[in-house]
């Protein structure tokens, strides 16, 4: 029977493994217990963002040295979900999720992981990817021992993309393909959890009424399959940790952000009091610029700026809101929230100690 531990660690640069190495050296973390990693690197978040792959390579080399397993074996079983872009108040950091199977409990926060088969460019943004993610979510739930979809708090997916898609791909534009990959993964999650009754590739980026409030998706060329991490509640896991999740109606939805912190048992009003911030173990937020070009009737220019990508605007703005509630810039804020929460909105998940 397992127990989940969450370590939020800083990084001085994308290859800086000193914080996790120190935990291992002190005996606080066993390298073999690492089950998943979710983090923010300081790259541009685009197709050419090398910081994500650099971090993953550095981490797997460290874990290989500590465990004796090969890098290939570790990479195939430990999802490493990296999102580039730490604009504004955001701080580069990563969350290490470790599972100690020697510690049991009656019911607690559980973690499960799964990988889909490798996804070629021809399947990205198509029904095949949606189906693959749906099955991977179910596999991850089974891995965690979560038997009911309503007990799932959040599904984090790292979905693949292709820098040179080829003629067989759904789009020759790698950026559009990245968005289609996120969208397909999100609807795969929605189907697995019963958040939508049916969905197909024709719905991607079109029918935005189909979404899941429990899906957080990133995509990138550094992965070749859909890497899935499921968080929820299951019997046999040690108690003490919570995951509070809430949707945001739009980019300015401070009450929605606060609701996620309160769902995690934190007295945010609207910020978490200084003496309670040590309980915050990690924050994940997804957001999306409103496609109509307005927020609450006021025009925004995120989508028309030729100097800065819209997602960089989004991360800087949403990051300031979420970090101000958390009282800490070490929050995971990612753009590209297609089918992840209400259109023009998104979601927030807060991991906290009870």
Protein backbone atom coordinates (compact mmCIF):
# COMPACT_ATOMS: atom_id res chain seq x y z
CA UNK A 1 0.00 0.00 0.00
CA UNK A 2 1.51 3.35 -1.05
CA UNK A 3 2.08 6.87 0.17
CA UNK A 4 2.55 9.88 -2.10
CA UNK A 5 5.15 12.58 -1.45
CA UNK A 6 5.45 15.84 -3.39
CA UNK A 7 8.66 17.87 -3.48
CA UNK A 8 8.65 21.36 -5.05
CA UNK A 9 12.20 22.23 -6.06
CA UNK A 10 13.90 25.29 -7.61
CA UNK A 11 16.30 25.25 -10.54
CA UNK A 12 19.10 27.69 -11.30
CA UNK A 13 19.00 26.65 -14.97
CA UNK A 14 17.29 23.89 -16.99
CA UNK A 15 20.06 21.39 -16.27
CA UNK A 16 20.28 22.11 -12.55
CA UNK A 17 19.60 18.90 -10.62
CA UNK A 18 21.25 20.03 -7.38
CA UNK A 19 18.01 20.27 -5.38
CA UNK A 20 16.81 16.75 -6.16
CA UNK A 21 20.35 15.40 -5.78
CA UNK A 22 20.50 16.92 -2.30
CA UNK A 23 17.22 15.22 -1.30
CA UNK A 24 18.55 11.88 -2.49
CA UNK A 25 21.88 12.37 -0.71
CA UNK A 26 20.09 13.25 2.54
CA UNK A 27 17.88 10.18 2.34
CA UNK A 28 14.73 12.30 2.11
CA UNK A 29 13.97 10.92 -1.34
CA UNK A 30 14.75 7.49 -2.75
CA UNK A 31 15.59 7.76 -6.43
CA UNK A 32 13.71 4.55 -7.15
CA UNK A 33 10.51 6.04 -5.70
CA UNK A 34 10.26 8.83 -8.30
CA UNK A 35 7.10 8.24 -10.35
CA UNK A 36 6.53 11.51 -12.21
CA UNK A 37 7.90 15.03 -12.63
CA UNK A 38 6.00 18.17 -13.64
CA UNK A 39 7.88 21.44 -14.06
CA UNK A 40 8.37 24.87 -15.59
CA UNK A 41 11.55 25.73 -17.47
CA UNK A 42 12.64 29.16 -18.61
CA UNK A 43 12.48 28.59 -22.36
CA UNK A 44 10.07 30.17 -24.80
CA UNK A 45 7.53 27.35 -24.64
CA UNK A 46 7.61 26.94 -28.43
CA UNK A 47 8.67 24.19 -30.78
CA UNK A 48 12.34 25.18 -30.54
CA UNK A 49 12.36 25.27 -26.73
CA UNK A 50 15.35 23.07 -25.92
CA UNK A 51 15.06 23.61 -22.16
CA UNK A 52 12.42 20.90 -21.75
CA UNK A 53 14.51 18.18 -23.32
CA UNK A 54 17.64 19.41 -21.56
CA UNK A 55 15.93 19.14 -18.18
CA UNK A 56 14.58 15.65 -18.92
CA UNK A 57 17.97 14.42 -20.08
CA UNK A 58 19.71 15.84 -17.00
CA UNK A 59 17.15 14.31 -14.63
CA UNK A 60 17.22 10.88 -16.23
CA UNK A 61 21.03 10.80 -16.16
CA UNK A 62 20.94 11.57 -12.43
CA UNK A 63 18.30 8.93 -11.70
CA UNK A 64 20.15 6.38 -13.82
CA UNK A 65 23.29 6.95 -11.80
CA UNK A 66 21.38 6.58 -8.53
CA UNK A 67 19.20 3.59 -9.44
CA UNK A 68 21.39 1.62 -11.83
CA UNK A 69 18.58 1.61 -14.41
CA UNK A 70 19.23 2.75 -17.96
CA UNK A 71 18.14 6.18 -19.15
CA UNK A 72 15.92 4.50 -21.74
CA UNK A 73 14.16 2.42 -19.08
CA UNK A 74 13.58 5.43 -16.82
CA UNK A 75 12.35 7.63 -19.66
CA UNK A 76 9.86 4.93 -20.65
CA UNK A 77 8.29 4.69 -17.19
CA UNK A 78 8.58 8.16 -15.59
CA UNK A 79 6.43 10.86 -17.21
CA UNK A 80 8.38 14.11 -17.32
CA UNK A 81 5.93 16.91 -18.11
CA UNK A 82 7.79 20.12 -18.81
CA UNK A 83 6.23 23.42 -19.86
CA UNK A 84 8.49 26.19 -21.11
CA UNK A 85 8.03 29.85 -20.33
CA UNK A 86 8.43 31.56 -16.96
CA UNK A 87 7.40 35.07 -17.95
CA UNK A 88 6.81 37.77 -15.38
CA UNK A 89 6.65 36.59 -11.77
CA UNK A 90 6.85 32.89 -12.63
CA UNK A 91 9.88 31.05 -11.25
CA UNK A 92 11.54 27.99 -12.84
CA UNK A 93 10.82 24.95 -10.67
CA UNK A 94 9.68 21.35 -10.76
CA UNK A 95 7.50 18.99 -8.76
CA UNK A 96 8.85 15.53 -7.99
CA UNK A 97 6.15 12.98 -7.20
CA UNK A 98 7.47 9.98 -5.27
CA UNK A 99 5.60 6.88 -4.14
CA UNK A 100 6.63 4.87 -1.10
CA UNK A 101 4.83 1.54 -1.33
CA UNK A 102 5.79 0.52 2.21
CA UNK A 103 3.46 3.10 3.80
CA UNK A 104 -0.28 2.43 3.84
CA UNK A 105 -3.43 4.25 4.82
CA UNK A 106 -7.20 3.95 4.62
CA UNK A 107 -7.72 6.44 1.76
CA UNK A 108 -5.63 9.24 0.37
CA UNK A 109 -4.32 11.11 -2.65
CA UNK A 110 -3.19 8.58 -5.23
CA UNK A 111 -1.01 8.78 -8.33
CA UNK A 112 -1.01 6.56 -11.39
CA UNK A 113 0.93 6.76 -14.65
CA UNK A 114 0.67 5.32 -18.13
CA UNK A 115 2.14 5.80 -21.59
CA UNK A 116 0.30 5.40 -24.88
CA UNK A 117 2.06 3.64 -27.75
CA UNK A 118 4.34 5.93 -29.78
CA UNK A 119 2.22 8.44 -31.72
CA UNK A 120 3.37 9.16 -35.30
CA UNK A 121 2.74 12.53 -36.85
CA UNK A 122 -0.06 11.03 -38.95
CA UNK A 123 -2.08 10.26 -35.77
CA UNK A 124 -1.61 13.58 -33.96
CA UNK A 125 -4.88 15.47 -33.69
CA UNK A 126 -6.88 12.53 -34.98
CA UNK A 127 -9.26 9.95 -33.56
CA UNK A 128 -6.34 7.56 -33.01
CA UNK A 129 -4.70 9.96 -30.55
CA UNK A 130 -7.98 10.64 -28.75
CA UNK A 131 -8.52 6.89 -28.31
CA UNK A 132 -4.93 6.31 -27.21
CA UNK A 133 -5.18 8.95 -24.48
CA UNK A 134 -8.56 7.64 -23.34
CA UNK A 135 -7.05 4.19 -22.85
CA UNK A 136 -3.90 5.57 -21.19
CA UNK A 137 -6.02 7.51 -18.67
CA UNK A 138 -7.90 4.34 -17.81
CA UNK A 139 -4.60 2.48 -17.45
CA UNK A 140 -3.23 5.20 -15.17
CA UNK A 141 -6.38 5.08 -13.03
CA UNK A 142 -5.94 1.33 -12.67
CA UNK A 143 -2.28 1.86 -11.77
CA UNK A 144 -3.37 4.20 -8.97
CA UNK A 145 -6.20 1.94 -7.82
CA UNK A 146 -8.79 4.61 -8.64
CA UNK A 147 -11.99 2.78 -9.51
CA UNK A 148 -14.40 5.68 -10.08
CA UNK A 149 -14.03 8.56 -12.52
CA UNK A 150 -15.53 10.95 -9.97
CA UNK A 151 -12.56 10.28 -7.68
CA UNK A 152 -10.10 11.70 -10.24
CA UNK A 153 -8.93 15.22 -9.36
CA UNK A 154 -6.61 15.98 -12.30
CA UNK A 155 -5.12 14.31 -15.34
CA UNK A 156 -1.83 15.78 -16.56
CA UNK A 157 -0.70 14.77 -20.04
CA UNK A 158 2.39 15.51 -22.06
CA UNK A 159 1.39 14.99 -25.69
CA UNK A 160 3.74 14.66 -28.68
CA UNK A 161 4.21 16.99 -31.60
CA UNK A 162 6.33 16.96 -34.76
CA UNK A 163 8.65 19.73 -35.84
CA UNK A 164 8.58 18.51 -39.45
CA UNK A 165 5.14 16.87 -39.69
CA UNK A 166 5.25 15.62 -43.28
CA UNK A 167 2.49 15.26 -45.84
CA UNK A 168 0.63 12.61 -43.83
CA UNK A 169 0.05 14.93 -40.87
CA UNK A 170 -3.27 16.66 -40.26
CA UNK A 171 -1.54 20.04 -40.58
CA UNK A 172 1.76 21.15 -42.07
CA UNK A 173 1.91 23.96 -39.49
CA UNK A 174 3.79 22.61 -36.44
CA UNK A 175 2.17 25.18 -34.13
CA UNK A 176 -1.31 24.16 -35.22
CA UNK A 177 -0.32 20.52 -34.86
CA UNK A 178 0.81 21.25 -31.30
CA UNK A 179 -2.60 22.76 -30.54
CA UNK A 180 -4.38 19.80 -32.14
CA UNK A 181 -2.29 17.43 -30.03
CA UNK A 182 -3.29 19.23 -26.84
CA UNK A 183 -6.92 19.27 -27.94
CA UNK A 184 -6.94 15.56 -28.80
CA UNK A 185 -5.38 14.67 -25.46
CA UNK A 186 -7.88 16.86 -23.60
CA UNK A 187 -10.86 15.20 -25.26
CA UNK A 188 -9.28 11.80 -24.63
CA UNK A 189 -9.25 12.68 -20.92
CA UNK A 190 -12.81 14.00 -21.10
CA UNK A 191 -14.03 10.74 -22.62
CA UNK A 192 -12.18 8.58 -20.10
CA UNK A 193 -13.68 10.53 -17.18
CA UNK A 194 -17.16 10.80 -18.64
CA UNK A 195 -16.95 14.60 -18.82
CA UNK A 196 -18.24 14.36 -22.40
CA UNK A 197 -20.36 11.59 -23.87
CA UNK A 198 -18.73 11.55 -27.30
CA UNK A 199 -16.01 13.40 -29.17
CA UNK A 200 -13.99 13.01 -32.34
CA UNK A 201 -11.32 14.72 -34.39
CA UNK A 202 -13.95 16.91 -36.03
CA UNK A 203 -14.57 18.57 -32.65
CA UNK A 204 -10.95 19.61 -32.09
CA UNK A 205 -10.58 23.39 -31.80
CA UNK A 206 -14.16 23.72 -33.09
CA UNK A 207 -16.71 22.55 -30.54
CA UNK A 208 -15.30 24.21 -27.44
CA UNK A 209 -18.39 23.28 -25.43
CA UNK A 210 -16.71 19.88 -25.13
CA UNK A 211 -14.06 20.05 -22.44
CA UNK A 212 -12.88 18.65 -19.13
CA UNK A 213 -12.35 20.67 -15.97
CA UNK A 214 -9.84 18.02 -14.90
CA UNK A 215 -7.46 17.95 -17.88
CA UNK A 216 -4.13 19.77 -18.06
CA UNK A 217 -2.26 19.19 -21.32
CA UNK A 218 1.13 20.26 -22.63
CA UNK A 219 2.70 19.20 -25.92
CA UNK A 220 6.18 19.20 -27.33
CA UNK A 221 8.59 17.58 -29.74
CA UNK A 222 10.67 16.09 -26.91
CA UNK A 223 8.20 13.22 -26.35
CA UNK A 224 7.06 10.54 -28.78
CA UNK A 225 4.00 9.23 -26.91
CA UNK A 226 1.21 10.56 -24.71
CA UNK A 227 2.57 10.53 -21.15
CA UNK A 228 -0.25 10.47 -18.59
CA UNK A 229 -0.30 11.19 -14.86
CA UNK A 230 -3.57 10.75 -12.95
CA UNK A 231 -4.21 12.21 -9.50
CA UNK A 232 -7.21 11.20 -7.44
CA UNK A 233 -8.36 9.44 -4.30
CA UNK A 234 -8.17 5.72 -3.66
CA UNK A 235 -8.27 3.19 -0.87
CA UNK A 236 -4.97 2.14 0.64
CA UNK A 237 -3.12 5.39 0.07
CA UNK A 238 -1.85 7.28 3.10
CA UNK A 239 -3.91 10.37 3.96
CA UNK A 240 -2.54 13.86 4.50
CA UNK A 241 -2.37 15.36 0.99
CA UNK A 242 -5.14 17.03 -0.99
CA UNK A 243 -5.65 18.20 -4.56
CA UNK A 244 -8.12 21.06 -5.00
CA UNK A 245 -9.31 21.77 -8.53
CA UNK A 246 -11.55 24.55 -9.86
CA UNK A 247 -12.33 25.97 -13.31
CA UNK A 248 -11.72 29.58 -14.34
CA UNK A 249 -14.39 31.30 -16.42
CA UNK A 250 -11.85 33.69 -17.94
CA UNK A 251 -8.38 35.11 -17.44
CA UNK A 252 -9.56 37.53 -14.75
CA UNK A 253 -11.42 34.92 -12.68
CA UNK A 254 -9.75 35.51 -9.32
CA UNK A 255 -12.62 33.81 -7.45
CA UNK A 256 -12.02 30.69 -9.56
CA UNK A 257 -8.35 30.67 -8.61
CA UNK A 258 -9.20 31.19 -4.94
CA UNK A 259 -11.75 28.36 -5.12
CA UNK A 260 -9.02 25.87 -6.07
CA UNK A 261 -6.92 26.85 -3.06
CA UNK A 262 -9.92 26.57 -0.78
CA UNK A 263 -10.80 23.18 -2.27
CA UNK A 264 -7.33 22.07 -1.18
CA UNK A 265 -8.16 23.17 2.39
CA UNK A 266 -6.21 26.44 2.31
CA UNK A 267 -7.80 29.61 3.79
CA UNK A 268 -7.21 31.87 0.76
CA UNK A 269 -8.91 35.28 1.16
CA UNK A 270 -7.89 35.98 -1.55
CA UNK A 271 -4.22 35.21 -0.81
CA UNK A 272 -3.02 32.30 1.30
CA UNK A 273 -1.90 33.68 4.70
CA UNK A 274 1.87 33.73 5.18
CA UNK A 275 1.73 31.21 8.01
CA UNK A 276 -0.15 28.73 5.78
CA UNK A 277 1.98 28.95 2.63
CA UNK A 278 4.22 26.09 3.75
CA UNK A 279 1.25 23.79 3.14
CA UNK A 280 1.22 24.56 -0.59
CA UNK A 281 3.11 21.75 -2.34
CA UNK A 282 2.45 22.70 -5.93
CA UNK A 283 0.11 24.64 -8.21
CA UNK A 284 -0.87 23.83 -11.80
CA UNK A 285 -2.87 26.29 -13.91
CA UNK A 286 -4.00 26.26 -17.53
CA UNK A 287 -5.29 29.31 -19.38
CA UNK A 288 -6.24 30.46 -22.85
CA UNK A 289 -6.58 33.89 -24.51
CA UNK A 290 -10.22 34.55 -25.36
CA UNK A 291 -10.49 33.84 -29.11
CA UNK A 292 -13.07 36.59 -29.67
CA UNK A 293 -10.46 39.17 -28.65
CA UNK A 294 -12.33 40.49 -25.62
CA UNK A 295 -12.32 39.82 -21.88
CA UNK A 296 -15.52 40.94 -20.15
CA UNK A 297 -16.25 43.33 -22.99
CA UNK A 298 -12.81 44.95 -23.09
CA UNK A 299 -10.56 44.35 -26.09
CA UNK A 300 -7.28 42.50 -25.55
CA UNK A 301 -4.35 42.39 -27.99
CA UNK A 302 -2.79 39.04 -27.11
CA UNK A 303 -3.78 37.36 -30.37
CA UNK A 304 -2.67 40.20 -32.66
CA UNK A 305 0.74 41.01 -31.17
CA UNK A 306 3.45 40.28 -33.75
CA UNK A 307 6.25 40.73 -31.23
CA UNK A 308 5.15 38.34 -28.47
CA UNK A 309 3.32 35.05 -28.84
CA UNK A 310 -0.14 35.04 -27.29
CA UNK A 311 0.81 32.24 -24.90
CA UNK A 312 3.63 34.35 -23.46
CA UNK A 313 1.15 37.14 -22.76
CA UNK A 314 -1.14 34.56 -21.17
CA UNK A 315 1.50 33.03 -18.93
CA UNK A 316 2.67 36.41 -17.67
CA UNK A 317 -0.83 37.64 -16.88
CA UNK A 318 -2.28 34.46 -15.38
CA UNK A 319 0.98 33.73 -13.58
CA UNK A 320 0.76 37.02 -11.70
CA UNK A 321 -2.80 36.28 -10.58
CA UNK A 322 -2.11 32.72 -9.44
CA UNK A 323 1.23 33.56 -7.82
CA UNK A 324 -0.34 36.43 -5.88
CA UNK A 325 -2.84 34.02 -4.34
CA UNK A 326 -0.18 31.39 -3.61
CA UNK A 327 2.26 33.98 -2.30
CA UNK A 328 4.99 32.31 -4.36
CA UNK A 329 6.17 32.52 -7.98
CA UNK A 330 6.84 28.77 -8.12
CA UNK A 331 3.60 27.93 -9.87
CA UNK A 332 3.10 25.96 -13.07
CA UNK A 333 1.18 28.17 -15.51
CA UNK A 334 0.72 26.96 -19.05
CA UNK A 335 -1.12 28.33 -22.06
CA UNK A 336 -2.84 26.31 -24.73
CA UNK A 337 -5.93 25.28 -22.77
CA UNK A 338 -7.92 23.92 -25.70
CA UNK A 339 -10.82 21.84 -24.31
CA UNK A 340 -9.33 22.21 -20.80
CA UNK A 341 -11.93 24.17 -18.91
CA UNK A 342 -14.43 26.70 -20.28
CA UNK A 343 -13.53 28.47 -23.55
CA UNK A 344 -11.37 31.50 -22.79
CA UNK A 345 -10.89 30.22 -19.25
CA UNK A 346 -9.01 27.24 -17.85
CA UNK A 347 -8.43 25.47 -14.58
CA UNK A 348 -6.31 25.54 -11.42
CA UNK A 349 -5.14 22.57 -9.34
CA UNK A 350 -3.53 23.01 -5.93
CA UNK A 351 -1.64 20.27 -4.14
CA UNK A 352 -1.48 20.87 -0.40
CA UNK A 353 -0.52 19.28 2.88
CA UNK A 354 -3.43 18.77 5.26
